């Protein structure tokens, strides 16, 4: 084996871990952002301590320190956030879509009433706007006016 061939192989082998670490750094799997996994029927709501069971109405907040908080109802999340006084521009907030149960951005979601929810706030969330839906701000004011 010639010296040139030897150094080419060493260089190629050295590049593999470097490329892998760069791809990992660019990936979407940042553990400090996004909703965390919920252990349904085991994880408790941060506000009322009931377990998260109904996938249609769950919520999660990442606080300003990027710590996740899980809730069984959008209303509990709103009250909890209000009690903590967190600025909304410093948190991440998700709710589950009523139909798909996928996590959606709570600030962009549309809210509709008339549902039986774990804590009785009665609001479901969706990404598909319908007549009579509430914006995030309207839904938040509805919950805060009801209190609990």
C-alpha atoms as a PDB file:
ATOM      1  CA  UNK A   1       0.000   0.000   0.000  1.00  0.00           C
ATOM      2  CA  UNK A   2       1.415   3.370  -0.978  1.00  0.00           C
ATOM      3  CA  UNK A   3       1.571   6.285   1.424  1.00  0.00           C
ATOM      4  CA  UNK A   4      -0.823   8.283  -0.721  1.00  0.00           C
ATOM      5  CA  UNK A   5      -3.412   5.476  -0.675  1.00  0.00           C
ATOM      6  CA  UNK A   6      -2.991   5.052   3.104  1.00  0.00           C
ATOM      7  CA  UNK A   7      -3.604   8.752   3.823  1.00  0.00           C
ATOM      8  CA  UNK A   8      -6.653   8.839   1.522  1.00  0.00           C
ATOM      9  CA  UNK A   9      -8.212   5.955   3.447  1.00  0.00           C
ATOM     10  CA  UNK A  10      -7.445   7.553   6.814  1.00  0.00           C
ATOM     11  CA  UNK A  11      -8.910  10.869   5.605  1.00  0.00           C
ATOM     12  CA  UNK A  12     -12.074   9.170   4.371  1.00  0.00           C
ATOM     13  CA  UNK A  13     -12.514   7.296   7.654  1.00  0.00           C
ATOM     14  CA  UNK A  14     -11.997  10.484   9.661  1.00  0.00           C
ATOM     15  CA  UNK A  15     -14.675  12.272   7.620  1.00  0.00           C
ATOM     16  CA  UNK A  16     -17.399   9.717   8.438  1.00  0.00           C
ATOM     17  CA  UNK A  17     -17.870  10.643  12.133  1.00  0.00           C
ATOM     18  CA  UNK A  18     -17.613  14.342  11.291  1.00  0.00           C
ATOM     19  CA  UNK A  19     -20.347  14.077   8.651  1.00  0.00           C
ATOM     20  CA  UNK A  20     -22.533  12.084  11.038  1.00  0.00           C
ATOM     21  CA  UNK A  21     -22.182  14.651  13.794  1.00  0.00           C
ATOM     22  CA  UNK A  22     -23.029  17.494  11.407  1.00  0.00           C
ATOM     23  CA  UNK A  23     -26.170  15.709  10.225  1.00  0.00           C
ATOM     24  CA  UNK A  24     -27.214  15.065  13.815  1.00  0.00           C
ATOM     25  CA  UNK A  25     -26.695  18.713  14.745  1.00  0.00           C
ATOM     26  CA  UNK A  26     -28.901  19.833  11.869  1.00  0.00           C
ATOM     27  CA  UNK A  27     -31.701  17.362  12.620  1.00  0.00           C
ATOM     28  CA  UNK A  28     -35.155  18.282  13.945  1.00  0.00           C
ATOM     29  CA  UNK A  29     -34.719  16.199  17.102  1.00  0.00           C
ATOM     30  CA  UNK A  30     -33.845  19.059  19.454  1.00  0.00           C
ATOM     31  CA  UNK A  31     -34.908  17.777  22.883  1.00  0.00           C
ATOM     32  CA  UNK A  32     -35.541  21.359  24.061  1.00  0.00           C
ATOM     33  CA  UNK A  33     -38.294  22.173  21.604  1.00  0.00           C
ATOM     34  CA  UNK A  34     -41.562  20.665  20.459  1.00  0.00           C
ATOM     35  CA  UNK A  35     -44.062  18.539  22.350  1.00  0.00           C
ATOM     36  CA  UNK A  36     -42.744  15.614  24.363  1.00  0.00           C
ATOM     37  CA  UNK A  37     -44.094  12.078  24.331  1.00  0.00           C
ATOM     38  CA  UNK A  38     -47.168  11.558  26.485  1.00  0.00           C
ATOM     39  CA  UNK A  39     -47.618   8.296  28.361  1.00  0.00           C
ATOM     40  CA  UNK A  40     -51.391   8.169  27.974  1.00  0.00           C
ATOM     41  CA  UNK A  41     -53.332   6.998  31.020  1.00  0.00           C
ATOM     42  CA  UNK A  42     -50.170   7.444  33.150  1.00  0.00           C
ATOM     43  CA  UNK A  43     -48.865  11.035  32.853  1.00  0.00           C
ATOM     44  CA  UNK A  44     -50.659  13.490  35.169  1.00  0.00           C
ATOM     45  CA  UNK A  45     -51.958  16.923  34.267  1.00  0.00           C
ATOM     46  CA  UNK A  46     -49.656  19.538  35.756  1.00  0.00           C
ATOM     47  CA  UNK A  47     -52.577  21.587  37.086  1.00  0.00           C
ATOM     48  CA  UNK A  48     -55.268  19.153  38.293  1.00  0.00           C
ATOM     49  CA  UNK A  49     -53.205  15.950  38.602  1.00  0.00           C
ATOM     50  CA  UNK A  50     -55.709  13.858  36.604  1.00  0.00           C
ATOM     51  CA  UNK A  51     -54.073  11.482  34.116  1.00  0.00           C
ATOM     52  CA  UNK A  52     -53.999  12.462  30.455  1.00  0.00           C
ATOM     53  CA  UNK A  53     -56.420  10.040  28.819  1.00  0.00           C
ATOM     54  CA  UNK A  54     -58.437  11.777  26.127  1.00  0.00           C
ATOM     55  CA  UNK A  55     -56.101  12.361  23.192  1.00  0.00           C
ATOM     56  CA  UNK A  56     -58.548  14.840  21.604  1.00  0.00           C
ATOM     57  CA  UNK A  57     -58.130  17.537  24.264  1.00  0.00           C
ATOM     58  CA  UNK A  58     -54.549  17.386  25.615  1.00  0.00           C
ATOM     59  CA  UNK A  59     -52.176  20.348  25.722  1.00  0.00           C
ATOM     60  CA  UNK A  60     -48.485  20.948  26.341  1.00  0.00           C
ATOM     61  CA  UNK A  61     -46.458  24.029  27.146  1.00  0.00           C
ATOM     62  CA  UNK A  62     -42.698  24.513  27.102  1.00  0.00           C
ATOM     63  CA  UNK A  63     -41.989  27.242  29.614  1.00  0.00           C
ATOM     64  CA  UNK A  64     -39.355  29.983  29.164  1.00  0.00           C
ATOM     65  CA  UNK A  65     -36.713  27.549  30.493  1.00  0.00           C
ATOM     66  CA  UNK A  66     -37.828  25.002  27.833  1.00  0.00           C
ATOM     67  CA  UNK A  67     -39.252  22.591  30.433  1.00  0.00           C
ATOM     68  CA  UNK A  68     -42.347  20.684  29.230  1.00  0.00           C
ATOM     69  CA  UNK A  69     -45.680  20.775  31.078  1.00  0.00           C
ATOM     70  CA  UNK A  70     -48.577  18.435  30.178  1.00  0.00           C
ATOM     71  CA  UNK A  71     -52.293  19.117  30.585  1.00  0.00           C
ATOM     72  CA  UNK A  72     -55.480  17.113  30.125  1.00  0.00           C
ATOM     73  CA  UNK A  73     -57.455  20.117  28.862  1.00  0.00           C
ATOM     74  CA  UNK A  74     -56.709  23.356  26.972  1.00  0.00           C
ATOM     75  CA  UNK A  75     -58.414  25.246  29.798  1.00  0.00           C
ATOM     76  CA  UNK A  76     -56.063  23.879  32.445  1.00  0.00           C
ATOM     77  CA  UNK A  77     -53.086  24.915  30.311  1.00  0.00           C
ATOM     78  CA  UNK A  78     -54.439  28.467  29.954  1.00  0.00           C
ATOM     79  CA  UNK A  79     -55.143  28.851  33.688  1.00  0.00           C
ATOM     80  CA  UNK A  80     -51.726  27.375  34.589  1.00  0.00           C
ATOM     81  CA  UNK A  81     -49.945  29.696  32.157  1.00  0.00           C
ATOM     82  CA  UNK A  82     -51.880  32.690  33.502  1.00  0.00           C
ATOM     83  CA  UNK A  83     -50.986  31.798  37.096  1.00  0.00           C
ATOM     84  CA  UNK A  84     -47.301  31.511  36.174  1.00  0.00           C
ATOM     85  CA  UNK A  85     -47.313  34.837  34.308  1.00  0.00           C
ATOM     86  CA  UNK A  86     -45.243  33.498  31.404  1.00  0.00           C
ATOM     87  CA  UNK A  87     -44.995  35.840  28.407  1.00  0.00           C
ATOM     88  CA  UNK A  88     -46.503  34.044  25.416  1.00  0.00           C
ATOM     89  CA  UNK A  89     -43.607  35.033  23.180  1.00  0.00           C
ATOM     90  CA  UNK A  90     -41.271  33.036  25.456  1.00  0.00           C
ATOM     91  CA  UNK A  91     -43.147  29.736  25.473  1.00  0.00           C
ATOM     92  CA  UNK A  92     -44.182  27.004  23.057  1.00  0.00           C
ATOM     93  CA  UNK A  93     -47.787  25.833  23.290  1.00  0.00           C
ATOM     94  CA  UNK A  94     -49.483  22.868  21.579  1.00  0.00           C
ATOM     95  CA  UNK A  95     -52.892  21.282  21.680  1.00  0.00           C
ATOM     96  CA  UNK A  96     -54.094  18.096  20.075  1.00  0.00           C
ATOM     97  CA  UNK A  97     -56.284  18.368  17.002  1.00  0.00           C
ATOM     98  CA  UNK A  98     -59.755  17.117  17.940  1.00  0.00           C
ATOM     99  CA  UNK A  99     -60.077  14.907  14.839  1.00  0.00           C
ATOM    100  CA  UNK A 100     -56.510  13.705  14.180  1.00  0.00           C
ATOM    101  CA  UNK A 101     -55.117  13.878  17.765  1.00  0.00           C
ATOM    102  CA  UNK A 102     -51.876  15.250  16.279  1.00  0.00           C
ATOM    103  CA  UNK A 103     -50.076  18.067  18.086  1.00  0.00           C
ATOM    104  CA  UNK A 104     -50.757  21.485  16.561  1.00  0.00           C
ATOM    105  CA  UNK A 105     -49.577  24.998  17.429  1.00  0.00           C
ATOM    106  CA  UNK A 106     -52.044  26.306  20.014  1.00  0.00           C
ATOM    107  CA  UNK A 107     -51.472  29.917  18.966  1.00  0.00           C
ATOM    108  CA  UNK A 108     -52.511  29.159  15.365  1.00  0.00           C
ATOM    109  CA  UNK A 109     -55.301  26.670  16.098  1.00  0.00           C
ATOM    110  CA  UNK A 110     -59.005  27.420  15.808  1.00  0.00           C
ATOM    111  CA  UNK A 111     -61.227  26.501  18.769  1.00  0.00           C
ATOM    112  CA  UNK A 112     -64.834  25.370  18.884  1.00  0.00           C
ATOM    113  CA  UNK A 113     -67.167  24.710  21.785  1.00  0.00           C
ATOM    114  CA  UNK A 114     -69.837  22.198  22.626  1.00  0.00           C
ATOM    115  CA  UNK A 115     -67.531  19.317  23.536  1.00  0.00           C
ATOM    116  CA  UNK A 116     -67.328  17.332  26.743  1.00  0.00           C
ATOM    117  CA  UNK A 117     -63.717  17.812  27.830  1.00  0.00           C
ATOM    118  CA  UNK A 118     -61.799  16.422  30.815  1.00  0.00           C
ATOM    119  CA  UNK A 119     -62.080  19.610  32.893  1.00  0.00           C
ATOM    120  CA  UNK A 120     -65.324  20.923  31.447  1.00  0.00           C
ATOM    121  CA  UNK A 121     -64.002  23.893  29.479  1.00  0.00           C
ATOM    122  CA  UNK A 122     -65.706  22.411  26.423  1.00  0.00           C
ATOM    123  CA  UNK A 123     -63.218  23.502  23.747  1.00  0.00           C
ATOM    124  CA  UNK A 124     -61.749  21.395  20.960  1.00  0.00           C
ATOM    125  CA  UNK A 125     -58.988  22.544  18.607  1.00  0.00           C
ATOM    126  CA  UNK A 126     -58.502  22.212  14.869  1.00  0.00           C
ATOM    127  CA  UNK A 127     -56.379  23.548  12.043  1.00  0.00           C
ATOM    128  CA  UNK A 128     -59.365  23.759   9.690  1.00  0.00           C
ATOM    129  CA  UNK A 129     -61.323  26.989  10.222  1.00  0.00           C
ATOM    130  CA  UNK A 130     -65.112  26.773  10.378  1.00  0.00           C
ATOM    131  CA  UNK A 131     -67.765  29.450  10.856  1.00  0.00           C
ATOM    132  CA  UNK A 132     -68.197  30.244  14.535  1.00  0.00           C
ATOM    133  CA  UNK A 133     -64.726  29.058  15.579  1.00  0.00           C
ATOM    134  CA  UNK A 134     -62.687  31.100  18.029  1.00  0.00           C
ATOM    135  CA  UNK A 135     -59.132  32.324  17.590  1.00  0.00           C
ATOM    136  CA  UNK A 136     -56.562  31.465  20.250  1.00  0.00           C
ATOM    137  CA  UNK A 137     -57.057  34.880  21.866  1.00  0.00           C
ATOM    138  CA  UNK A 138     -60.861  34.441  21.973  1.00  0.00           C
ATOM    139  CA  UNK A 139     -60.557  30.920  23.392  1.00  0.00           C
ATOM    140  CA  UNK A 140     -58.090  32.122  26.022  1.00  0.00           C
ATOM    141  CA  UNK A 141     -60.431  34.938  27.096  1.00  0.00           C
ATOM    142  CA  UNK A 142     -63.334  32.459  27.249  1.00  0.00           C
ATOM    143  CA  UNK A 143     -61.344  30.191  29.601  1.00  0.00           C
ATOM    144  CA  UNK A 144     -60.090  33.046  31.790  1.00  0.00           C
ATOM    145  CA  UNK A 145     -63.621  34.465  32.108  1.00  0.00           C
ATOM    146  CA  UNK A 146     -64.871  31.054  33.295  1.00  0.00           C
ATOM    147  CA  UNK A 147     -61.971  30.598  35.693  1.00  0.00           C
ATOM    148  CA  UNK A 148     -61.564  27.490  37.918  1.00  0.00           C
END
